[in-house]
């Protein structure tokens, strides 16, 4: 993801209440890959991108109404 996409991801995480800091994988190369981390310290931070994406995917399955039919069974 690029810097613009990273900002969108950060906004989404914040809006959904999901922890995480969106930052370049290589702090010296902001045009490179960006990931979601559990903190800002580049020495101790842990990559939680997959966890954050899994949470977002799980939330999207639970949102919104579903359509269907209820068919009464005969007794």
PDB file of N, CA and C in Angstrom:
ATOM      1  N   UNK A   1       0.848  -1.164   0.000  1.00  0.00           N
ATOM      2  CA  UNK A   1       0.000   0.000   0.000  1.00  0.00           C
ATOM      3  C   UNK A   1       0.893   1.225   0.000  1.00  0.00           C
ATOM      4  N   UNK A   2       0.413   2.287  -0.579  1.00  0.00           N
ATOM      5  CA  UNK A   2       1.184   3.528  -0.595  1.00  0.00           C
ATOM      6  C   UNK A   2       0.718   4.429   0.558  1.00  0.00           C
ATOM      7  N   UNK A   3       1.274   5.638   0.616  1.00  0.00           N
ATOM      8  CA  UNK A   3       0.985   6.548   1.730  1.00  0.00           C
ATOM      9  C   UNK A   3      -0.498   6.916   1.815  1.00  0.00           C
ATOM     10  N   UNK A   4      -1.138   7.140   0.680  1.00  0.00           N
ATOM     11  CA  UNK A   4      -2.565   7.500   0.669  1.00  0.00           C
ATOM     12  C   UNK A   4      -3.410   6.327   1.155  1.00  0.00           C
ATOM     13  N   UNK A   5      -3.129   5.126   0.646  1.00  0.00           N
ATOM     14  CA  UNK A   5      -3.860   3.936   1.091  1.00  0.00           C
ATOM     15  C   UNK A   5      -3.618   3.678   2.570  1.00  0.00           C
ATOM     16  N   UNK A   6      -2.395   3.917   3.034  1.00  0.00           N
ATOM     17  CA  UNK A   6      -2.066   3.718   4.444  1.00  0.00           C
ATOM     18  C   UNK A   6      -2.899   4.645   5.323  1.00  0.00           C
ATOM     19  N   UNK A   7      -3.081   5.877   4.889  1.00  0.00           N
ATOM     20  CA  UNK A   7      -3.896   6.819   5.656  1.00  0.00           C
ATOM     21  C   UNK A   7      -5.355   6.361   5.714  1.00  0.00           C
ATOM     22  N   UNK A   8      -5.849   5.811   4.604  1.00  0.00           N
ATOM     23  CA  UNK A   8      -7.217   5.291   4.585  1.00  0.00           C
ATOM     24  C   UNK A   8      -7.359   4.109   5.533  1.00  0.00           C
ATOM     25  N   UNK A   9      -6.361   3.233   5.546  1.00  0.00           N
ATOM     26  CA  UNK A   9      -6.380   2.083   6.459  1.00  0.00           C
ATOM     27  C   UNK A   9      -6.339   2.569   7.904  1.00  0.00           C
ATOM     28  N   UNK A  10      -5.473   3.544   8.192  1.00  0.00           N
ATOM     29  CA  UNK A  10      -5.376   4.085   9.550  1.00  0.00           C
ATOM     30  C   UNK A  10      -6.707   4.678   9.996  1.00  0.00           C
ATOM     31  N   UNK A  11      -7.357   5.407   9.109  1.00  0.00           N
ATOM     32  CA  UNK A  11      -8.665   5.990   9.439  1.00  0.00           C
ATOM     33  C   UNK A  11      -9.701   4.905   9.706  1.00  0.00           C
ATOM     34  N   UNK A  12      -9.689   3.857   8.899  1.00  0.00           N
ATOM     35  CA  UNK A  12     -10.626   2.748   9.077  1.00  0.00           C
ATOM     36  C   UNK A  12     -10.375   2.039  10.401  1.00  0.00           C
ATOM     37  N   UNK A  13      -9.108   1.765  10.709  1.00  0.00           N
ATOM     38  CA  UNK A  13      -8.782   1.113  11.977  1.00  0.00           C
ATOM     39  C   UNK A  13      -9.278   1.945  13.155  1.00  0.00           C
ATOM     40  N   UNK A  14      -9.011   3.235  13.107  1.00  0.00           N
ATOM     41  CA  UNK A  14      -9.411   4.134  14.186  1.00  0.00           C
ATOM     42  C   UNK A  14     -10.934   4.166  14.318  1.00  0.00           C
ATOM     43  N   UNK A  15     -11.636   4.261  13.192  1.00  0.00           N
ATOM     44  CA  UNK A  15     -13.099   4.334  13.207  1.00  0.00           C
ATOM     45  C   UNK A  15     -13.714   3.054  13.771  1.00  0.00           C
ATOM     46  N   UNK A  16     -13.075   1.909  13.494  1.00  0.00           N
ATOM     47  CA  UNK A  16     -13.603   0.635  13.968  1.00  0.00           C
ATOM     48  C   UNK A  16     -13.103   0.263  15.362  1.00  0.00           C
ATOM     49  N   UNK A  17     -12.224   1.093  15.913  1.00  0.00           N
ATOM     50  CA  UNK A  17     -11.711   0.820  17.253  1.00  0.00           C
ATOM     51  C   UNK A  17     -10.672  -0.284  17.288  1.00  0.00           C
ATOM     52  N   UNK A  18      -9.985  -0.501  16.188  1.00  0.00           N
ATOM     53  CA  UNK A  18      -8.952  -1.538  16.114  1.00  0.00           C
ATOM     54  C   UNK A  18      -7.606  -0.880  16.364  1.00  0.00           C
ATOM     55  N   UNK A  19      -6.837  -1.464  17.264  1.00  0.00           N
ATOM     56  CA  UNK A  19      -5.527  -0.896  17.574  1.00  0.00           C
ATOM     57  C   UNK A  19      -4.577  -1.098  16.398  1.00  0.00           C
ATOM     58  N   UNK A  20      -3.608  -0.243  16.285  1.00  0.00           N
ATOM     59  CA  UNK A  20      -2.594  -0.403  15.251  1.00  0.00           C
ATOM     60  C   UNK A  20      -2.101   0.925  14.731  1.00  0.00           C
ATOM     61  N   UNK A  21      -0.831   0.931  14.368  1.00  0.00           N
ATOM     62  CA  UNK A  21      -0.173   2.097  13.795  1.00  0.00           C
ATOM     63  C   UNK A  21       0.220   1.725  12.370  1.00  0.00           C
ATOM     64  N   UNK A  22      -0.196   2.506  11.401  1.00  0.00           N
ATOM     65  CA  UNK A  22       0.159   2.247  10.007  1.00  0.00           C
ATOM     66  C   UNK A  22       1.442   3.008   9.724  1.00  0.00           C
ATOM     67  N   UNK A  23       2.469   2.269   9.274  1.00  0.00           N
ATOM     68  CA  UNK A  23       3.793   2.860   9.103  1.00  0.00           C
ATOM     69  C   UNK A  23       4.525   2.163   7.961  1.00  0.00           C
ATOM     70  N   UNK A  24       5.489   2.870   7.343  1.00  0.00           N
ATOM     71  CA  UNK A  24       6.286   2.204   6.307  1.00  0.00           C
ATOM     72  C   UNK A  24       7.068   1.037   6.909  1.00  0.00           C
ATOM     73  N   UNK A  25       7.201  -0.020   6.147  1.00  0.00           N
ATOM     74  CA  UNK A  25       7.973  -1.176   6.601  1.00  0.00           C
ATOM     75  C   UNK A  25       9.427  -0.756   6.823  1.00  0.00           C
ATOM     76  N   UNK A  26       9.954   0.019   5.898  1.00  0.00           N
ATOM     77  CA  UNK A  26      11.290   0.585   6.016  1.00  0.00           C
ATOM     78  C   UNK A  26      11.105   2.080   6.247  1.00  0.00           C
ATOM     79  N   UNK A  27      11.385   2.535   7.466  1.00  0.00           N
ATOM     80  CA  UNK A  27      11.132   3.932   7.812  1.00  0.00           C
ATOM     81  C   UNK A  27      11.887   4.909   6.921  1.00  0.00           C
ATOM     82  N   UNK A  28      12.984   4.477   6.336  1.00  0.00           N
ATOM     83  CA  UNK A  28      13.757   5.332   5.449  1.00  0.00           C
ATOM     84  C   UNK A  28      13.208   5.389   4.038  1.00  0.00           C
ATOM     85  N   UNK A  29      12.187   4.598   3.748  1.00  0.00           N
ATOM     86  CA  UNK A  29      11.619   4.546   2.397  1.00  0.00           C
ATOM     87  C   UNK A  29      10.089   4.640   2.467  1.00  0.00           C
ATOM     88  N   UNK A  30       9.557   5.855   2.610  1.00  0.00           N
ATOM     89  CA  UNK A  30       8.101   5.997   2.714  1.00  0.00           C
ATOM     90  C   UNK A  30       7.358   5.651   1.419  1.00  0.00           C
ATOM     91  N   UNK A  31       8.070   5.493   0.325  1.00  0.00           N
ATOM     92  CA  UNK A  31       7.431   5.087  -0.931  1.00  0.00           C
ATOM     93  C   UNK A  31       7.353   3.570  -1.068  1.00  0.00           C
ATOM     94  N   UNK A  32       7.882   2.849  -0.084  1.00  0.00           N
ATOM     95  CA  UNK A  32       7.859   1.387  -0.116  1.00  0.00           C
ATOM     96  C   UNK A  32       6.585   0.823   0.483  1.00  0.00           C
ATOM     97  N   UNK A  33       6.685  -0.400   0.946  1.00  0.00           N
ATOM     98  CA  UNK A  33       5.532  -1.090   1.537  1.00  0.00           C
ATOM     99  C   UNK A  33       5.204  -0.532   2.915  1.00  0.00           C
ATOM    100  N   UNK A  34       3.913  -0.468   3.204  1.00  0.00           N
ATOM    101  CA  UNK A  34       3.426  -0.025   4.499  1.00  0.00           C
ATOM    102  C   UNK A  34       2.742  -1.199   5.177  1.00  0.00           C
ATOM    103  N   UNK A  35       2.810  -1.247   6.516  1.00  0.00           N
ATOM    104  CA  UNK A  35       2.216  -2.331   7.300  1.00  0.00           C
ATOM    105  C   UNK A  35       1.519  -1.738   8.523  1.00  0.00           C
ATOM    106  N   UNK A  36       0.812  -2.585   9.253  1.00  0.00           N
ATOM    107  CA  UNK A  36       0.173  -2.177  10.507  1.00  0.00           C
ATOM    108  C   UNK A  36       0.997  -2.786  11.642  1.00  0.00           C
ATOM    109  N   UNK A  37       1.374  -1.944  12.597  1.00  0.00           N
ATOM    110  CA  UNK A  37       2.208  -2.379  13.716  1.00  0.00           C
ATOM    111  C   UNK A  37       1.499  -2.118  15.037  1.00  0.00           C
ATOM    112  N   UNK A  38       1.978  -2.810  16.086  1.00  0.00           N
ATOM    113  CA  UNK A  38       1.370  -2.647  17.409  1.00  0.00           C
ATOM    114  C   UNK A  38       1.939  -1.466  18.181  1.00  0.00           C
ATOM    115  N   UNK A  39       2.928  -0.784  17.654  1.00  0.00           N
ATOM    116  CA  UNK A  39       3.513   0.374  18.323  1.00  0.00           C
ATOM    117  C   UNK A  39       4.377   1.181  17.373  1.00  0.00           C
ATOM    118  N   UNK A  40       4.924   2.272  17.891  1.00  0.00           N
ATOM    119  CA  UNK A  40       5.705   3.167  17.037  1.00  0.00           C
ATOM    120  C   UNK A  40       7.200   2.912  17.097  1.00  0.00           C
ATOM    121  N   UNK A  41       7.690   2.221  18.110  1.00  0.00           N
ATOM    122  CA  UNK A  41       9.124   1.981  18.254  1.00  0.00           C
ATOM    123  C   UNK A  41       9.584   0.961  17.212  1.00  0.00           C
ATOM    124  N   UNK A  42      10.449   1.377  16.264  1.00  0.00           N
ATOM    125  CA  UNK A  42      10.863   0.467  15.192  1.00  0.00           C
ATOM    126  C   UNK A  42      11.645  -0.750  15.685  1.00  0.00           C
ATOM    127  N   UNK A  43      12.199  -0.691  16.887  1.00  0.00           N
ATOM    128  CA  UNK A  43      12.975  -1.811  17.425  1.00  0.00           C
ATOM    129  C   UNK A  43      12.060  -2.874  18.017  1.00  0.00           C
ATOM    130  N   UNK A  44      11.017  -2.453  18.728  1.00  0.00           N
ATOM    131  CA  UNK A  44      10.165  -3.413  19.447  1.00  0.00           C
ATOM    132  C   UNK A  44       8.809  -3.641  18.798  1.00  0.00           C
ATOM    133  N   UNK A  45       8.490  -2.890  17.753  1.00  0.00           N
ATOM    134  CA  UNK A  45       7.161  -3.036  17.139  1.00  0.00           C
ATOM    135  C   UNK A  45       6.991  -4.409  16.517  1.00  0.00           C
ATOM    136  N   UNK A  46       5.762  -4.854  16.495  1.00  0.00           N
ATOM    137  CA  UNK A  46       5.421  -6.161  15.926  1.00  0.00           C
ATOM    138  C   UNK A  46       4.420  -5.944  14.807  1.00  0.00           C
ATOM    139  N   UNK A  47       4.627  -6.596  13.689  1.00  0.00           N
ATOM    140  CA  UNK A  47       3.734  -6.482  12.526  1.00  0.00           C
ATOM    141  C   UNK A  47       2.430  -7.209  12.819  1.00  0.00           C
ATOM    142  N   UNK A  48       1.319  -6.464  12.817  1.00  0.00           N
ATOM    143  CA  UNK A  48       0.002  -7.054  13.080  1.00  0.00           C
ATOM    144  C   UNK A  48      -0.941  -6.838  11.894  1.00  0.00           C
ATOM    145  N   UNK A  49      -0.363  -6.656  10.708  1.00  0.00           N
ATOM    146  CA  UNK A  49      -1.172  -6.393   9.518  1.00  0.00           C
ATOM    147  C   UNK A  49      -2.189  -7.496   9.277  1.00  0.00           C
ATOM    148  N   UNK A  50      -1.737  -8.750   9.327  1.00  0.00           N
ATOM    149  CA  UNK A  50      -2.649  -9.868   9.064  1.00  0.00           C
ATOM    150  C   UNK A  50      -3.772  -9.934  10.099  1.00  0.00           C
ATOM    151  N   UNK A  51      -3.436  -9.665  11.361  1.00  0.00           N
ATOM    152  CA  UNK A  51      -4.456  -9.672  12.412  1.00  0.00           C
ATOM    153  C   UNK A  51      -5.497  -8.573  12.177  1.00  0.00           C
ATOM    154  N   UNK A  52      -5.026  -7.380  11.840  1.00  0.00           N
ATOM    155  CA  UNK A  52      -5.944  -6.258  11.604  1.00  0.00           C
ATOM    156  C   UNK A  52      -6.861  -6.550  10.419  1.00  0.00           C
ATOM    157  N   UNK A  53      -6.287  -7.098   9.349  1.00  0.00           N
ATOM    158  CA  UNK A  53      -7.099  -7.418   8.173  1.00  0.00           C
ATOM    159  C   UNK A  53      -8.124  -8.508   8.484  1.00  0.00           C
ATOM    160  N   UNK A  54      -7.737  -9.498   9.296  1.00  0.00           N
ATOM    161  CA  UNK A  54      -8.671 -10.568   9.669  1.00  0.00           C
ATOM    162  C   UNK A  54      -9.836 -10.013  10.483  1.00  0.00           C
ATOM    163  N   UNK A  55      -9.550  -9.075  11.376  1.00  0.00           N
ATOM    164  CA  UNK A  55     -10.614  -8.457  12.173  1.00  0.00           C
ATOM    165  C   UNK A  55     -11.568  -7.690  11.273  1.00  0.00           C
ATOM    166  N   UNK A  56     -11.008  -6.924  10.337  1.00  0.00           N
ATOM    167  CA  UNK A  56     -11.845  -6.148   9.423  1.00  0.00           C
ATOM    168  C   UNK A  56     -12.692  -7.072   8.558  1.00  0.00           C
ATOM    169  N   UNK A  57     -12.099  -8.149   8.051  1.00  0.00           N
ATOM    170  CA  UNK A  57     -12.862  -9.106   7.240  1.00  0.00           C
ATOM    171  C   UNK A  57     -13.999  -9.716   8.057  1.00  0.00           C
ATOM    172  N   UNK A  58     -13.730 -10.072   9.301  1.00  0.00           N
ATOM    173  CA  UNK A  58     -14.754 -10.653  10.160  1.00  0.00           C
ATOM    174  C   UNK A  58     -15.876  -9.686  10.450  1.00  0.00           C
ATOM    175  N   UNK A  59     -15.546  -8.412  10.600  1.00  0.00           N
ATOM    176  CA  UNK A  59     -16.572  -7.397  10.860  1.00  0.00           C
ATOM    177  C   UNK A  59     -17.453  -7.189   9.643  1.00  0.00           C
ATOM    178  N   UNK A  60     -16.878  -7.245   8.464  1.00  0.00           N
ATOM    179  CA  UNK A  60     -17.666  -6.980   7.267  1.00  0.00           C
ATOM    180  C   UNK A  60     -18.698  -8.070   7.017  1.00  0.00           C
ATOM    181  N   UNK A  61     -18.434  -9.270   7.504  1.00  0.00           N
ATOM    182  CA  UNK A  61     -19.408 -10.351   7.337  1.00  0.00           C
ATOM    183  C   UNK A  61     -20.605 -10.180   8.257  1.00  0.00           C
ATOM    184  N   UNK A  62     -20.404  -9.449   9.343  1.00  0.00           N
ATOM    185  CA  UNK A  62     -21.457  -9.307  10.338  1.00  0.00           C
ATOM    186  C   UNK A  62     -22.319  -8.073  10.124  1.00  0.00           C
ATOM    187  N   UNK A  63     -21.938  -7.211   9.212  1.00  0.00           N
ATOM    188  CA  UNK A  63     -22.652  -5.951   9.072  1.00  0.00           C
ATOM    189  C   UNK A  63     -23.732  -6.035   8.013  1.00  0.00           C
ATOM    190  N   UNK A  64     -24.736  -5.234   8.197  1.00  0.00           N
ATOM    191  CA  UNK A  64     -25.782  -5.104   7.187  1.00  0.00           C
ATOM    192  C   UNK A  64     -26.840  -6.177   7.274  1.00  0.00           C
ATOM    193  N   UNK A  65     -27.990  -5.847   6.768  1.00  0.00           N
ATOM    194  CA  UNK A  65     -29.092  -6.813   6.779  1.00  0.00           C
ATOM    195  C   UNK A  65     -28.887  -7.891   5.710  1.00  0.00           C
ATOM    196  N   UNK A  66     -29.484  -9.014   5.945  1.00  0.00           N
ATOM    197  CA  UNK A  66     -29.474 -10.074   4.944  1.00  0.00           C
ATOM    198  C   UNK A  66     -30.901 -10.325   4.508  1.00  0.00           C
ATOM    199  N   UNK A  67     -31.056 -10.762   3.301  1.00  0.00           N
ATOM    200  CA  UNK A  67     -32.388 -11.031   2.785  1.00  0.00           C
ATOM    201  C   UNK A  67     -32.635 -12.530   2.769  1.00  0.00           C
ATOM    202  N   UNK A  68     -33.874 -12.873   2.913  1.00  0.00           N
ATOM    203  CA  UNK A  68     -34.225 -14.273   2.885  1.00  0.00           C
ATOM    204  C   UNK A  68     -35.714 -14.446   3.069  1.00  0.00           C
ATOM    205  N   UNK A  69     -36.121 -15.666   3.074  1.00  0.00           N
ATOM    206  CA  UNK A  69     -37.542 -15.969   3.241  1.00  0.00           C
ATOM    207  C   UNK A  69     -37.700 -16.894   4.445  1.00  0.00           C
ATOM    208  N   UNK A  70     -38.795 -16.688   5.140  1.00  0.00           N
ATOM    209  CA  UNK A  70     -39.143 -17.595   6.233  1.00  0.00           C
ATOM    210  C   UNK A  70     -40.346 -18.388   5.736  1.00  0.00           C
ATOM    211  N   UNK A  71     -40.147 -19.677   5.685  1.00  0.00           N
ATOM    212  CA  UNK A  71     -41.215 -20.562   5.200  1.00  0.00           C
ATOM    213  C   UNK A  71     -41.685 -21.387   6.376  1.00  0.00           C
ATOM    214  N   UNK A  72     -42.957 -21.201   6.753  1.00  0.00           N
ATOM    215  CA  UNK A  72     -43.469 -21.986   7.880  1.00  0.00           C
ATOM    216  C   UNK A  72     -43.552 -23.458   7.500  1.00  0.00           C
ATOM    217  N   UNK A  73     -43.244 -24.275   8.461  1.00  0.00           N
ATOM    218  CA  UNK A  73     -43.326 -25.718   8.216  1.00  0.00           C
ATOM    219  C   UNK A  73     -44.712 -26.196   8.648  1.00  0.00           C
ATOM    220  N   UNK A  74     -45.228 -27.161   7.949  1.00  0.00           N
ATOM    221  CA  UNK A  74     -46.537 -27.706   8.326  1.00  0.00           C
ATOM    222  C   UNK A  74     -46.312 -28.812   9.341  1.00  0.00           C
ATOM    223  N   UNK A  75     -47.230 -28.902  10.273  1.00  0.00           N
ATOM    224  CA  UNK A  75     -47.111 -29.928  11.325  1.00  0.00           C
ATOM    225  C   UNK A  75     -48.046 -31.037  11.135  1.00  0.00           C
TER     226      UNK A  75
END
